[in-house]
Amino acid sequence: MKRICLLFSVIIFLFELNAQQNPQQKIVSNNNVANRLQLSDSITGGPIRFGVTMTGDFQANKSLSFSQRYNTNTFMTTIATDGITIKKSGLYHFEGFIYAEAFDDADKANGWSNPVFTSILKAGGHNYTVGFREIMPGVESYRQGQVDARLFKFSKSFAMEIYVVAPSVISFSRIFNSTITNESQFYSGGWLTGYYISQ
């Protein structure tokens, strides 16, 4: 028992001696976590948040063009017209709004066939369907010259969480399925935002 007490006393003495000889060691140890976090923030550029406006017209099947609204971390995300490149893997939250218009000026003696609209968020080669073949209601009917015309409209909000494996490009596409033959009469747009949640 005496030997155990003596050994314990020696260990305590050595710790105290080391602390006296290295007074900065405790401070460095206590600050290690904070220093690592500060270093991580400085390397990665801080929080990752981004937002874009989306536009697309004419073609029935088309990827929408992006225009940057904001990007808080240009080190980990870059925004171009054809997509958002994410350079840090992790779970991301995405949300947005998409709307579509289709104008049909062909004379329909037996009525119109409503267009259907599909919208897809693409991330790293994977497709995440926002809406699949959703019917666009006709909101306006009128005469244009000697023919009847109708305007179809559709809009939708969405939100989802996706694990992104970097590097990945985020893009958005839409498809009109319609009897309308003049593709110049399609239009769509909206906005998309996202932020990094965690590993």
Protein backbone atom coordinates (compact mmCIF):
# COMPACT_ATOMS: atom_id res chain seq x y z
CA MET A 1 0.00 0.00 0.00
CA LYS A 2 2.85 2.36 0.89
CA ARG A 3 4.50 1.62 -2.46
CA ILE A 4 1.28 2.56 -4.34
CA CYS A 5 0.98 5.84 -2.42
CA LEU A 6 4.64 6.61 -3.09
CA LEU A 7 4.20 5.89 -6.83
CA PHE A 8 1.10 8.13 -6.96
CA SER A 9 3.01 10.95 -5.22
CA VAL A 10 5.85 10.65 -7.73
CA ILE A 11 3.41 10.88 -10.66
CA ILE A 12 1.75 14.00 -9.21
CA PHE A 13 5.19 15.57 -8.62
CA LEU A 14 6.22 14.91 -12.23
CA PHE A 15 3.00 16.48 -13.56
CA GLU A 16 3.46 19.56 -11.39
CA LEU A 17 7.10 19.86 -12.45
CA ASN A 18 6.14 19.62 -16.11
CA ALA A 19 3.45 22.26 -15.67
CA GLN A 20 5.94 24.64 -14.03
CA GLN A 21 8.47 24.12 -16.82
CA ASN A 22 5.86 24.44 -19.62
CA PRO A 23 3.26 26.98 -18.45
CA GLN A 24 1.93 27.48 -22.03
CA GLN A 25 1.13 23.82 -22.63
CA LYS A 26 -2.22 23.89 -20.81
CA ILE A 27 -3.34 26.98 -22.71
CA VAL A 28 -2.42 25.45 -26.06
CA SER A 29 -4.29 22.25 -25.19
CA ASN A 30 -7.42 24.13 -24.12
CA ASN A 31 -7.41 26.19 -27.29
CA ASN A 32 -6.77 23.31 -29.66
CA VAL A 33 -10.43 22.78 -30.58
CA ALA A 34 -11.13 26.47 -31.06
CA ASN A 35 -7.97 26.89 -33.12
CA ARG A 36 -8.91 23.97 -35.35
CA LEU A 37 -12.40 25.37 -35.88
CA GLN A 38 -11.01 28.80 -36.76
CA LEU A 39 -8.49 27.21 -39.12
CA SER A 40 -11.27 25.14 -40.75
CA ASP A 41 -13.41 28.24 -41.29
CA SER A 42 -10.51 30.16 -42.78
CA ILE A 43 -9.68 27.30 -45.16
CA THR A 44 -13.24 26.52 -46.28
CA GLY A 45 -14.39 30.13 -46.52
CA GLY A 46 -17.14 30.02 -43.89
CA PRO A 47 -20.81 28.99 -44.17
CA ILE A 48 -22.06 27.65 -47.51
CA ARG A 49 -25.24 29.35 -48.76
CA PHE A 50 -26.24 30.14 -52.33
CA GLY A 51 -29.19 31.30 -54.38
CA VAL A 52 -29.94 31.63 -58.09
CA THR A 53 -32.68 32.84 -60.40
CA MET A 54 -33.68 30.27 -63.04
CA THR A 55 -34.90 31.05 -66.56
CA GLY A 56 -35.68 28.99 -69.63
CA ASP A 57 -37.73 29.52 -72.74
CA PHE A 58 -38.53 28.02 -76.14
CA GLN A 59 -37.52 24.35 -76.20
CA ALA A 60 -39.90 21.78 -74.72
CA ASN A 61 -37.05 19.87 -73.05
CA LYS A 62 -34.43 22.16 -71.59
CA SER A 63 -32.09 22.81 -68.65
CA LEU A 64 -32.76 26.17 -67.04
CA SER A 65 -30.11 28.90 -66.96
CA PHE A 66 -28.85 30.16 -63.60
CA SER A 67 -28.17 33.77 -62.59
CA GLN A 68 -26.48 34.27 -59.22
CA ARG A 69 -28.42 36.00 -56.46
CA TYR A 70 -25.88 35.33 -53.69
CA ASN A 71 -23.01 33.00 -52.80
CA THR A 72 -21.48 33.23 -49.31
CA ASN A 73 -18.61 30.83 -49.99
CA THR A 74 -16.98 31.14 -53.41
CA PHE A 75 -14.25 28.72 -52.31
CA MET A 76 -16.65 25.79 -51.88
CA THR A 77 -19.31 26.74 -54.46
CA THR A 78 -19.13 28.36 -57.88
CA ILE A 79 -22.13 29.47 -59.91
CA ALA A 80 -22.31 29.47 -63.71
CA THR A 81 -25.21 29.73 -66.14
CA ASP A 82 -25.33 25.95 -66.56
CA GLY A 83 -25.13 24.97 -62.89
CA ILE A 84 -23.80 25.29 -59.33
CA THR A 85 -20.59 23.39 -58.64
CA ILE A 86 -20.34 22.13 -55.04
CA LYS A 87 -16.83 21.26 -53.83
CA LYS A 88 -17.62 20.04 -50.30
CA SER A 89 -19.40 16.74 -49.65
CA GLY A 90 -22.24 16.69 -47.18
CA LEU A 91 -25.98 17.00 -46.58
CA TYR A 92 -27.52 20.05 -48.27
CA HIS A 93 -30.95 21.64 -48.03
CA PHE A 94 -32.49 22.86 -51.29
CA GLU A 95 -35.69 24.77 -51.82
CA GLY A 96 -37.17 26.76 -54.63
CA PHE A 97 -40.05 27.79 -56.84
CA ILE A 98 -40.75 26.83 -60.46
CA TYR A 99 -43.38 28.18 -62.82
CA ALA A 100 -44.25 27.44 -66.44
CA GLU A 101 -46.34 28.95 -69.22
CA ALA A 102 -47.46 27.47 -72.55
CA PHE A 103 -49.33 29.45 -75.18
CA ASP A 104 -51.41 27.57 -77.75
CA ASP A 105 -52.72 29.59 -80.67
CA ALA A 106 -53.80 26.67 -82.82
CA ASP A 107 -57.53 26.51 -83.51
CA LYS A 108 -58.93 23.60 -81.47
CA ALA A 109 -62.37 22.75 -82.79
CA ASN A 110 -62.69 19.93 -80.27
CA GLY A 111 -61.06 21.69 -77.33
CA TRP A 112 -57.51 21.82 -76.02
CA SER A 113 -55.27 19.14 -74.60
CA ASN A 114 -53.68 20.48 -71.43
CA PRO A 115 -49.87 20.34 -71.43
CA VAL A 116 -48.19 18.39 -68.64
CA PHE A 117 -45.04 19.59 -66.92
CA THR A 118 -42.11 17.65 -65.39
CA SER A 119 -39.37 19.35 -63.37
CA ILE A 120 -36.14 17.75 -62.16
CA LEU A 121 -33.34 18.84 -59.82
CA LYS A 122 -30.06 17.20 -60.86
CA ALA A 123 -27.16 16.66 -58.45
CA GLY A 124 -23.97 14.81 -59.31
CA GLY A 125 -25.54 12.77 -62.09
CA HIS A 126 -28.62 11.82 -60.05
CA ASN A 127 -32.14 13.04 -60.85
CA TYR A 128 -34.48 14.21 -58.08
CA THR A 129 -37.99 14.70 -59.45
CA VAL A 130 -39.67 17.87 -58.20
CA GLY A 131 -42.88 17.19 -60.14
CA PHE A 132 -43.82 14.48 -62.63
CA ARG A 133 -46.28 15.08 -65.48
CA GLU A 134 -48.31 17.63 -63.59
CA ILE A 135 -51.24 19.05 -65.55
CA MET A 136 -51.04 22.72 -66.50
CA PRO A 137 -54.50 24.29 -66.18
CA GLY A 138 -55.75 26.67 -68.85
CA VAL A 139 -56.18 30.09 -67.27
CA GLU A 140 -57.12 32.29 -70.23
CA SER A 141 -59.05 31.75 -73.47
CA TYR A 142 -59.42 34.41 -76.14
CA ARG A 143 -59.51 35.07 -79.86
CA GLN A 144 -56.28 35.92 -81.62
CA GLY A 145 -57.11 37.04 -85.13
CA GLN A 146 -59.31 34.36 -86.59
CA VAL A 147 -58.31 31.56 -84.22
CA ASP A 148 -58.96 30.69 -80.62
CA ALA A 149 -56.01 30.80 -78.25
CA ARG A 150 -55.36 29.64 -74.73
CA LEU A 151 -52.69 30.29 -72.11
CA PHE A 152 -51.73 27.46 -69.73
CA LYS A 153 -49.92 28.17 -66.46
CA PHE A 154 -48.39 26.14 -63.67
CA SER A 155 -46.34 26.88 -60.52
CA LYS A 156 -44.96 24.92 -57.60
CA SER A 157 -42.79 25.35 -54.49
CA PHE A 158 -40.46 22.55 -53.38
CA ALA A 159 -37.92 21.62 -50.72
CA MET A 160 -35.64 18.61 -50.25
CA GLU A 161 -32.43 17.48 -48.58
CA ILE A 162 -29.77 15.70 -50.62
CA TYR A 163 -26.41 14.21 -49.68
CA VAL A 164 -24.00 15.62 -52.26
CA VAL A 165 -20.72 13.88 -53.07
CA ALA A 166 -18.22 16.52 -54.20
CA PRO A 167 -17.43 17.64 -56.75
CA SER A 168 -20.99 17.80 -58.06
CA VAL A 169 -22.87 20.10 -60.40
CA ILE A 170 -26.40 21.13 -59.42
CA SER A 171 -28.72 21.90 -62.33
CA PHE A 172 -32.44 22.07 -63.02
CA SER A 173 -34.36 20.88 -66.07
CA ARG A 174 -37.97 20.86 -67.20
CA ILE A 175 -40.00 19.00 -69.82
CA PHE A 176 -43.23 20.05 -71.49
CA ASN A 177 -45.37 17.21 -72.88
CA SER A 178 -47.88 18.84 -75.16
CA THR A 179 -49.59 18.86 -78.53
CA ILE A 180 -48.24 22.39 -79.02
CA THR A 181 -45.87 22.21 -81.97
CA ASN A 182 -44.40 25.71 -81.77
CA GLU A 183 -41.73 25.45 -79.05
CA SER A 184 -41.24 29.22 -79.00
CA GLN A 185 -44.47 29.33 -77.01
CA PHE A 186 -43.02 27.60 -73.93
CA TYR A 187 -41.55 29.53 -71.01
CA SER A 188 -40.45 28.67 -67.47
CA GLY A 189 -38.50 30.21 -64.61
CA GLY A 190 -38.17 30.43 -60.86
CA TRP A 191 -35.52 30.41 -58.17
CA LEU A 192 -33.39 27.92 -56.24
CA THR A 193 -31.56 28.29 -52.92
CA GLY A 194 -29.42 25.90 -50.91
CA TYR A 195 -27.17 25.60 -47.89
CA TYR A 196 -24.82 23.09 -46.29
CA ILE A 197 -26.19 21.28 -43.22
CA SER A 198 -23.55 18.78 -42.08
CA GLN A 199 -21.29 15.90 -43.00
